[in-house]
Amino acid sequence: MERQDPEAKQNHRPAPYIYLRNKFAGMPKIYWTLSSVAFLFYFAWATSAYLTVFLQKSGFSTAQVGVINGINFAVSICATPFWGVIADKVRSNRKIIVFCMGVASILWALVPASSRIVLGPIFLLHLLIPLCSFFRLPAQSLMDAFNVQTCAREGVAYGSVRIWGSISFAIMSLSLSAILPWTGVEASFYMYGIAFIPLLLILSRMKDTTDAGAPRKSLSFREMQFGRLFKNYYFLTYMVFAIFMHMPVNTSMTFLPYLVDMVGGDTAQFGLISGYKALLEVPTLLLMAPMRKRFPLPVAVILAGTLFTIEFSLYAGANSLLQILAIQTIHGLGGGLMIGASTNYVYTMAPDGLNSTAHTLNGAMNSIAAIIGNMLGGVLITFIGIRRFYSMASLIVACAIVYFISTLLIGSKILHKPIPRSK
């Protein structure tokens, strides 16, 4: 029998297979460890996307849902930088993530039961969900800081690690779309804590990674020198941009179940939309490494904002679940760009020793944006309808991009400050 040439056999492999094999073969152990952390974190995180659906099915109006989400993010404004400062102070994002997610997992599982008691709505609104948010919402910013800092120190591309988070988010979201119509959305609250168990076990065994030159011992607040961060022109202007950018971006997903319901879709299958969106983040995350070599990170931020502007304008005319799903293609591509670009951009602007503080301050700005968006969004939808709400969201994102471009031009051309590039 004639032996087949291995090289010829390789040439008959599908192009995606060859690309992925060349992309991931020979990756160091730390890459797979970080990828496992990203995979497990977003696998669990996907289960928390059903809060709006749960409140909607529990009889809350759009205005009440907006208030509840607004209060959540109001808590997050304080909690996110608080935990970021503590993480920098003790020199360990990892330990703070483990603590926050452990507490949040227990509290989140109590939410469905609280809605069945006489004072359920008041309890949900004023105590349990906000308390859970104090521990739950900062975790994503802390995880971003942990991953991007470790990737930078180990010479690993952050985008190639973060794709596993998008993949796992998609897997869990699609799975929930199949499961929750049978079990009810309450099951997602219990699955949240269960899904975090393997992640917490891995994190508890990992070592901490600090910035180059930063001491590993705990620091006093005076030694941390927060003024280094607040004197950075690009960081401060980006924080303002983050508020206006994420105000419609965060709110659009909060109220999307109402658009799904309007066009006759099943909101219990909302995970189908979230999962599809997460999968579409993968291509742009994979492209982040070559893009960073050719373009400054702000270019990717501007492109992401442009895609969001197009997305929201299309929602205003969507008439079916299939159309909404197709529009999520744009959100996925834009989301991948924004995740990869914004996280790395914040890292480039953060002084050594204040990486977690910078990322959690960025998370706090997102929370401020979410408060404004949820508070105004719920009321606006009540008075002008869901379609006009998305038209307004498109306009706000467009204005935010114009502002961001102007800050870059002023900084580089007038103030003669070089635009931050990768560390």
Protein backbone atom coordinates (compact mmCIF):
# COMPACT_ATOMS: atom_id res chain seq x y z
CA MET A 1 0.00 0.00 0.00
CA GLU A 2 1.31 3.42 -0.94
CA ARG A 3 2.05 5.62 2.06
CA GLN A 4 0.31 8.99 2.12
CA ASP A 5 2.58 12.00 2.35
CA PRO A 6 1.85 13.68 5.74
CA GLU A 7 2.45 17.08 4.21
CA ALA A 8 -0.03 16.35 1.43
CA LYS A 9 -2.55 15.19 4.02
CA GLN A 10 -2.03 18.43 5.93
CA ASN A 11 -2.74 20.45 2.79
CA HIS A 12 -6.16 18.79 2.57
CA ARG A 13 -7.09 19.99 6.06
CA PRO A 14 -9.72 22.76 6.16
CA ALA A 15 -8.20 26.24 6.28
CA PRO A 16 -9.79 27.08 9.68
CA TYR A 17 -8.25 23.92 11.17
CA ILE A 18 -4.77 24.84 9.91
CA TYR A 19 -5.14 28.40 11.19
CA LEU A 20 -6.28 27.33 14.65
CA ARG A 21 -3.58 24.67 14.91
CA ASN A 22 -0.88 27.18 14.01
CA LYS A 23 -2.46 29.75 16.34
CA PHE A 24 -2.63 27.63 19.48
CA ALA A 25 -0.03 24.87 19.06
CA GLY A 26 2.89 25.32 21.42
CA MET A 27 1.18 27.84 23.67
CA PRO A 28 2.78 28.00 27.15
CA LYS A 29 1.10 26.56 30.23
CA ILE A 30 0.21 30.03 31.54
CA TYR A 31 -1.82 30.67 28.38
CA TRP A 32 -4.01 27.62 28.97
CA THR A 33 -4.34 28.46 32.67
CA LEU A 34 -5.49 32.01 31.91
CA SER A 35 -7.76 30.73 29.14
CA SER A 36 -9.34 28.30 31.61
CA VAL A 37 -9.93 31.17 34.03
CA ALA A 38 -11.55 33.30 31.31
CA PHE A 39 -13.63 30.35 30.09
CA LEU A 40 -14.98 29.46 33.54
CA PHE A 41 -15.58 33.05 34.62
CA TYR A 42 -17.74 33.97 31.63
CA PHE A 43 -19.39 30.55 31.63
CA ALA A 44 -20.72 31.42 35.09
CA TRP A 45 -21.23 35.12 34.30
CA ALA A 46 -23.65 34.26 31.47
CA THR A 47 -26.18 32.94 33.97
CA SER A 48 -26.61 36.43 35.48
CA ALA A 49 -27.98 37.87 32.22
CA TYR A 50 -31.53 36.84 33.13
CA LEU A 51 -32.22 39.39 35.87
CA THR A 52 -34.33 41.58 33.55
CA VAL A 53 -36.23 38.56 32.25
CA PHE A 54 -36.87 37.37 35.82
CA LEU A 55 -38.12 40.78 36.92
CA GLN A 56 -40.26 41.09 33.79
CA LYS A 57 -41.91 37.74 34.44
CA SER A 58 -42.39 38.70 38.11
CA GLY A 59 -44.60 41.62 37.03
CA PHE A 60 -42.19 44.55 37.23
CA SER A 61 -42.74 47.40 34.75
CA THR A 62 -39.98 48.80 32.52
CA ALA A 63 -39.66 51.79 34.86
CA GLN A 64 -39.28 49.51 37.91
CA VAL A 65 -36.72 47.35 36.10
CA GLY A 66 -34.82 50.52 35.22
CA VAL A 67 -34.83 51.64 38.86
CA ILE A 68 -33.64 48.25 40.13
CA ASN A 69 -30.81 48.10 37.60
CA GLY A 70 -30.00 51.73 38.34
CA ILE A 71 -29.66 51.02 42.06
CA ASN A 72 -27.47 48.01 41.25
CA PHE A 73 -25.07 50.12 39.27
CA ALA A 74 -25.19 52.92 41.86
CA VAL A 75 -23.84 50.40 44.35
CA SER A 76 -21.28 49.32 41.77
CA ILE A 77 -19.95 52.89 41.42
CA CYS A 78 -18.69 52.68 44.99
CA ALA A 79 -17.96 48.96 45.15
CA THR A 80 -15.92 48.63 41.95
CA PRO A 81 -13.17 51.17 42.72
CA PHE A 82 -13.32 50.13 46.40
CA TRP A 83 -12.38 46.54 45.58
CA GLY A 84 -9.88 47.73 42.96
CA VAL A 85 -8.05 49.87 45.52
CA ILE A 86 -8.09 46.98 48.01
CA ALA A 87 -6.68 44.64 45.33
CA ASP A 88 -3.82 47.06 44.58
CA LYS A 89 -3.23 47.63 48.28
CA VAL A 90 -2.88 43.90 49.10
CA ARG A 91 -1.18 43.26 45.72
CA SER A 92 -3.66 40.54 44.73
CA ASN A 93 -6.56 40.79 42.28
CA ARG A 94 -6.89 37.05 42.56
CA LYS A 95 -7.71 36.94 46.27
CA ILE A 96 -10.28 39.72 45.97
CA ILE A 97 -11.97 37.99 43.00
CA VAL A 98 -12.25 34.75 44.97
CA PHE A 99 -13.74 36.54 47.98
CA CYS A 100 -16.22 38.69 46.01
CA MET A 101 -17.48 35.86 43.80
CA GLY A 102 -17.83 33.47 46.72
CA VAL A 103 -20.10 35.89 48.60
CA ALA A 104 -22.01 36.90 45.45
CA SER A 105 -22.77 33.28 44.55
CA ILE A 106 -24.54 32.73 47.87
CA LEU A 107 -26.54 35.98 47.72
CA TRP A 108 -27.57 35.55 44.07
CA ALA A 109 -29.13 32.15 44.82
CA LEU A 110 -31.46 33.84 47.35
CA VAL A 111 -33.04 36.23 44.81
CA PRO A 112 -35.81 33.93 43.46
CA ALA A 113 -36.91 32.94 46.97
CA SER A 114 -37.11 36.58 48.07
CA SER A 115 -39.67 37.38 45.37
CA ARG A 116 -42.15 34.93 46.91
CA ILE A 117 -42.40 36.62 50.31
CA VAL A 118 -44.91 39.38 51.07
CA LEU A 119 -42.33 42.17 50.94
CA GLY A 120 -40.56 40.57 47.95
CA PRO A 121 -40.46 43.61 45.62
CA ILE A 122 -39.22 45.92 48.40
CA PHE A 123 -36.65 43.34 49.47
CA LEU A 124 -35.41 42.93 45.89
CA LEU A 125 -35.28 46.63 45.26
CA HIS A 126 -33.70 47.92 48.44
CA LEU A 127 -31.60 45.14 49.94
CA LEU A 128 -30.74 41.80 48.37
CA ILE A 129 -29.93 42.61 44.74
CA PRO A 130 -27.97 45.78 45.62
CA LEU A 131 -26.07 43.89 48.33
CA CYS A 132 -25.23 41.17 45.85
CA SER A 133 -24.14 43.82 43.34
CA PHE A 134 -21.60 45.15 45.85
CA PHE A 135 -19.70 41.86 45.47
CA ARG A 136 -20.82 40.65 42.01
CA LEU A 137 -20.45 43.59 39.65
CA PRO A 138 -16.84 44.58 40.47
CA ALA A 139 -15.64 41.06 39.63
CA GLN A 140 -15.62 41.63 35.86
CA SER A 141 -13.32 44.67 36.10
CA LEU A 142 -11.08 42.83 38.54
CA MET A 143 -10.94 39.84 36.21
CA ASP A 144 -10.04 42.09 33.26
CA ALA A 145 -7.25 43.67 35.31
CA PHE A 146 -5.96 40.28 36.43
CA ASN A 147 -5.93 38.81 32.92
CA VAL A 148 -4.48 41.79 31.04
CA GLN A 149 -1.78 42.33 33.68
CA THR A 150 -0.77 38.67 33.71
CA CYS A 151 -0.85 38.47 29.89
CA ALA A 152 1.42 41.52 29.64
CA ARG A 153 3.92 40.11 32.12
CA GLU A 154 3.95 36.66 30.49
CA GLY A 155 4.03 37.89 26.87
CA VAL A 156 0.62 36.40 26.00
CA ALA A 157 -1.86 38.14 23.68
CA TYR A 158 -4.86 39.19 25.79
CA GLY A 159 -7.30 38.78 22.88
CA SER A 160 -6.35 35.13 22.38
CA VAL A 161 -7.12 34.52 26.07
CA ARG A 162 -10.33 36.53 26.16
CA ILE A 163 -11.86 34.63 23.22
CA TRP A 164 -12.41 31.66 25.54
CA GLY A 165 -14.59 33.87 27.69
CA SER A 166 -16.74 34.76 24.69
CA ILE A 167 -16.93 31.11 23.63
CA SER A 168 -17.98 29.92 27.09
CA PHE A 169 -20.48 32.78 27.44
CA ALA A 170 -22.02 31.65 24.16
CA ILE A 171 -22.12 28.00 25.23
CA MET A 172 -23.83 28.80 28.52
CA SER A 173 -26.23 31.29 26.93
CA LEU A 174 -27.30 28.83 24.24
CA SER A 175 -27.64 26.08 26.84
CA LEU A 176 -29.82 28.31 29.03
CA SER A 177 -32.04 29.07 26.03
CA ALA A 178 -32.75 25.35 25.76
CA ILE A 179 -33.06 24.67 29.50
CA LEU A 180 -34.88 27.66 31.00
CA PRO A 181 -38.15 27.32 29.02
CA TRP A 182 -38.52 24.01 30.90
CA THR A 183 -37.11 24.93 34.32
CA GLY A 184 -38.01 28.61 34.52
CA VAL A 185 -35.57 31.52 34.70
CA GLU A 186 -35.17 31.02 38.45
CA ALA A 187 -32.79 28.13 37.71
CA SER A 188 -30.21 30.55 36.30
CA PHE A 189 -29.73 32.08 39.76
CA TYR A 190 -28.84 28.70 41.26
CA MET A 191 -26.57 27.76 38.35
CA TYR A 192 -24.58 30.96 38.89
CA GLY A 193 -22.99 29.81 42.14
CA ILE A 194 -22.53 26.22 40.98
CA ALA A 195 -20.71 27.34 37.83
CA PHE A 196 -18.23 29.44 39.81
CA ILE A 197 -16.98 26.55 41.97
CA PRO A 198 -14.31 25.22 39.53
CA LEU A 199 -13.11 28.77 38.79
CA LEU A 200 -12.60 29.57 42.46
CA LEU A 201 -10.64 26.32 42.88
CA ILE A 202 -8.25 27.23 40.03
CA LEU A 203 -7.78 30.82 41.22
CA SER A 204 -7.05 29.70 44.75
CA ARG A 205 -4.08 27.69 43.42
CA MET A 206 -2.63 30.42 41.18
CA LYS A 207 0.12 32.86 42.10
CA ASP A 208 -0.25 36.63 42.02
CA THR A 209 1.35 38.75 39.30
CA THR A 210 2.32 42.34 40.08
CA ASP A 211 3.45 45.17 37.84
CA ALA A 212 7.13 45.33 36.96
CA GLY A 213 9.01 47.02 39.76
CA ALA A 214 6.01 47.00 42.11
CA PRO A 215 6.56 45.49 45.55
CA ARG A 216 4.62 42.39 46.50
CA LYS A 217 3.98 43.50 50.07
CA SER A 218 0.81 45.32 51.08
CA LEU A 219 1.07 49.11 50.63
CA SER A 220 -0.30 52.02 52.60
CA PHE A 221 -2.68 54.36 50.77
CA ARG A 222 -0.02 57.10 50.83
CA GLU A 223 2.50 54.79 49.15
CA MET A 224 0.04 54.01 46.34
CA GLN A 225 0.16 57.66 45.07
CA PHE A 226 -3.24 57.86 43.38
CA GLY A 227 -2.39 61.27 41.92
CA ARG A 228 -0.32 59.56 39.23
CA LEU A 229 -3.53 58.25 37.68
CA PHE A 230 -5.61 61.42 37.92
CA LYS A 231 -2.95 63.58 36.25
CA ASN A 232 -3.22 61.55 33.05
CA TYR A 233 -5.09 63.61 30.42
CA TYR A 234 -6.02 60.65 28.24
CA PHE A 235 -7.26 58.57 31.17
CA LEU A 236 -9.53 61.34 32.47
CA THR A 237 -10.98 62.17 29.04
CA TYR A 238 -11.50 58.47 28.35
CA MET A 239 -13.45 58.09 31.59
CA VAL A 240 -15.86 60.81 30.44
CA PHE A 241 -16.15 59.10 27.05
CA ALA A 242 -16.84 55.77 28.76
CA ILE A 243 -19.91 57.22 30.47
CA PHE A 244 -21.50 58.49 27.25
CA MET A 245 -20.46 55.44 25.25
CA HIS A 246 -21.66 52.80 27.67
CA MET A 247 -24.85 54.56 28.69
CA PRO A 248 -26.68 53.31 25.55
CA VAL A 249 -24.51 50.20 25.07
CA ASN A 250 -25.22 48.77 28.54
CA THR A 251 -28.87 49.79 28.50
CA SER A 252 -29.54 48.34 25.06
CA MET A 253 -29.09 44.79 26.35
CA THR A 254 -31.07 45.49 29.53
CA PHE A 255 -34.22 46.37 27.60
CA LEU A 256 -33.71 44.13 24.57
CA PRO A 257 -36.08 41.46 26.03
CA TYR A 258 -38.90 44.01 25.64
CA LEU A 259 -38.12 44.37 21.93
CA VAL A 260 -37.96 40.59 21.63
CA ASP A 261 -41.38 40.37 23.28
CA MET A 262 -42.78 43.07 20.97
CA VAL A 263 -41.79 41.18 17.82
CA GLY A 264 -43.29 37.94 19.14
CA GLY A 265 -40.13 36.21 20.40
CA ASP A 266 -39.84 34.10 23.55
CA THR A 267 -37.86 36.03 26.18
CA ALA A 268 -36.94 32.74 27.88
CA GLN A 269 -34.76 32.14 24.83
CA PHE A 270 -32.97 35.46 25.25
CA GLY A 271 -29.79 33.48 25.79
CA LEU A 272 -29.87 32.55 22.11
CA ILE A 273 -29.27 36.21 21.28
CA SER A 274 -26.63 36.67 23.99
CA GLY A 275 -24.84 33.49 22.95
CA TYR A 276 -24.77 34.40 19.29
CA LYS A 277 -23.44 37.86 20.13
CA ALA A 278 -20.68 36.36 22.27
CA LEU A 279 -19.56 34.02 19.47
CA LEU A 280 -19.23 36.97 17.10
CA GLU A 281 -16.80 38.61 19.56
CA VAL A 282 -14.25 35.88 18.83
CA PRO A 283 -13.09 36.98 15.33
CA THR A 284 -12.38 40.57 16.36
CA LEU A 285 -10.66 39.46 19.58
CA LEU A 286 -8.38 37.22 17.52
CA LEU A 287 -7.58 40.17 15.25
CA MET A 288 -6.63 42.45 18.16
CA ALA A 289 -2.96 41.40 18.23
CA PRO A 290 -2.26 42.21 14.53
CA MET A 291 -4.43 45.34 14.74
CA ARG A 292 -2.42 46.67 17.69
CA LYS A 293 0.76 46.37 15.60
CA ARG A 294 -0.71 48.47 12.78
CA PHE A 295 -3.12 50.90 14.49
CA PRO A 296 -3.30 52.73 17.84
CA LEU A 297 -5.83 51.22 20.26
CA PRO A 298 -8.16 54.27 20.03
CA VAL A 299 -8.80 53.41 16.36
CA ALA A 300 -10.38 50.11 17.44
CA VAL A 301 -12.49 51.96 20.04
CA ILE A 302 -13.76 54.34 17.34
CA LEU A 303 -14.57 51.45 14.98
CA ALA A 304 -16.46 49.65 17.77
CA GLY A 305 -18.52 52.77 18.47
CA THR A 306 -19.36 53.09 14.78
CA LEU A 307 -20.65 49.51 14.73
CA PHE A 308 -22.79 50.17 17.83
CA THR A 309 -24.27 53.26 16.15
CA ILE A 310 -25.32 51.16 13.15
CA GLU A 311 -26.66 48.40 15.40
CA PHE A 312 -28.97 50.64 17.44
CA SER A 313 -30.35 52.38 14.36
CA LEU A 314 -31.27 48.98 12.91
CA TYR A 315 -33.09 47.90 16.09
CA ALA A 316 -35.54 50.75 15.51
CA GLY A 317 -36.85 48.90 12.45
CA ALA A 318 -36.56 45.27 13.58
CA ASN A 319 -39.78 43.26 13.17
CA SER A 320 -38.79 39.69 14.03
CA LEU A 321 -36.56 37.66 16.33
CA LEU A 322 -34.53 36.61 13.30
CA GLN A 323 -33.83 40.25 12.43
CA ILE A 324 -32.77 40.99 16.01
CA LEU A 325 -30.46 37.98 15.88
CA ALA A 326 -28.93 39.23 12.62
CA ILE A 327 -28.37 42.70 14.11
CA GLN A 328 -26.55 41.07 17.02
CA THR A 329 -23.85 40.17 14.50
CA ILE A 330 -22.88 43.83 14.48
CA HIS A 331 -23.00 43.99 18.28
CA GLY A 332 -20.77 40.94 18.56
CA LEU A 333 -18.12 42.34 16.23
CA GLY A 334 -18.25 45.73 17.94
CA GLY A 335 -18.23 44.14 21.37
CA GLY A 336 -15.11 42.11 20.58
CA LEU A 337 -13.31 45.25 19.43
CA MET A 338 -14.40 47.21 22.50
CA ILE A 339 -13.43 44.44 24.94
CA GLY A 340 -9.97 44.00 23.48
CA ALA A 341 -9.24 47.66 22.79
CA SER A 342 -10.65 49.32 25.92
CA THR A 343 -9.11 46.83 28.36
CA ASN A 344 -5.66 47.17 26.81
CA TYR A 345 -6.03 50.95 26.43
CA VAL A 346 -6.79 51.37 30.14
CA TYR A 347 -3.82 49.15 30.97
CA THR A 348 -1.47 51.31 28.86
CA MET A 349 -2.57 54.41 30.78
CA ALA A 350 -2.36 52.87 34.26
CA PRO A 351 0.78 53.67 36.30
CA ASP A 352 2.64 50.70 37.79
CA GLY A 353 0.93 49.53 40.95
CA LEU A 354 -2.46 51.05 40.05
CA ASN A 355 -3.58 48.61 37.40
CA SER A 356 -6.58 47.29 39.34
CA THR A 357 -7.57 50.80 40.42
CA ALA A 358 -7.56 52.02 36.81
CA HIS A 359 -9.63 49.09 35.54
CA THR A 360 -12.15 49.30 38.35
CA LEU A 361 -12.50 53.07 37.89
CA ASN A 362 -13.29 52.31 34.27
CA GLY A 363 -15.84 49.81 35.55
CA ALA A 364 -17.28 52.49 37.84
CA MET A 365 -17.73 54.81 34.85
CA ASN A 366 -19.62 52.00 33.13
CA SER A 367 -21.80 51.74 36.21
CA ILE A 368 -22.52 55.48 36.15
CA ALA A 369 -23.46 55.08 32.51
CA ALA A 370 -25.69 52.15 33.35
CA ILE A 371 -27.47 54.12 36.09
CA ILE A 372 -28.26 56.99 33.76
CA GLY A 373 -29.21 54.63 30.96
CA ASN A 374 -31.44 52.40 33.07
CA MET A 375 -33.15 55.25 34.89
CA LEU A 376 -33.84 57.23 31.73
CA GLY A 377 -34.32 54.20 29.50
CA GLY A 378 -37.16 52.70 31.51
CA VAL A 379 -39.01 56.01 31.56
CA LEU A 380 -38.30 56.82 27.90
CA ILE A 381 -39.56 53.44 26.71
CA THR A 382 -42.77 54.02 28.67
CA PHE A 383 -43.40 57.35 26.91
CA ILE A 384 -41.82 57.08 23.46
CA GLY A 385 -41.64 53.33 22.88
CA ILE A 386 -38.81 50.86 22.46
CA ARG A 387 -38.06 51.72 18.81
CA ARG A 388 -37.54 55.44 19.35
CA PHE A 389 -35.44 54.57 22.39
CA TYR A 390 -32.98 52.71 20.15
CA SER A 391 -32.92 55.59 17.65
CA MET A 392 -31.92 57.90 20.51
CA ALA A 393 -29.28 55.40 21.66
CA SER A 394 -27.74 55.44 18.17
CA LEU A 395 -27.46 59.23 18.26
CA ILE A 396 -25.82 59.25 21.71
CA VAL A 397 -23.13 56.76 20.66
CA ALA A 398 -22.38 58.81 17.54
CA CYS A 399 -21.91 61.94 19.68
CA ALA A 400 -19.66 60.04 22.10
CA ILE A 401 -17.39 58.97 19.24
CA VAL A 402 -17.12 62.56 18.01
CA TYR A 403 -16.14 63.64 21.54
CA PHE A 404 -13.51 60.88 21.81
CA ILE A 405 -11.92 61.82 18.50
CA SER A 406 -11.80 65.48 19.56
CA THR A 407 -9.98 64.59 22.81
CA LEU A 408 -7.35 62.67 20.86
CA LEU A 409 -6.84 65.57 18.46
CA ILE A 410 -6.61 68.12 21.28
CA GLY A 411 -4.22 65.94 23.26
CA SER A 412 -1.86 65.15 20.38
CA LYS A 413 -2.04 68.33 18.28
CA ILE A 414 -2.59 71.10 20.84
CA LEU A 415 -1.29 69.73 24.16
CA HIS A 416 1.44 67.72 22.40
CA LYS A 417 0.81 64.64 24.52
CA PRO A 418 1.59 61.36 22.72
CA ILE A 419 -1.34 58.96 22.46
CA PRO A 420 -0.69 55.99 24.82
CA ARG A 421 0.54 52.82 23.17
CA SER A 422 1.11 49.31 24.47
CA LYS A 423 3.45 48.89 27.44
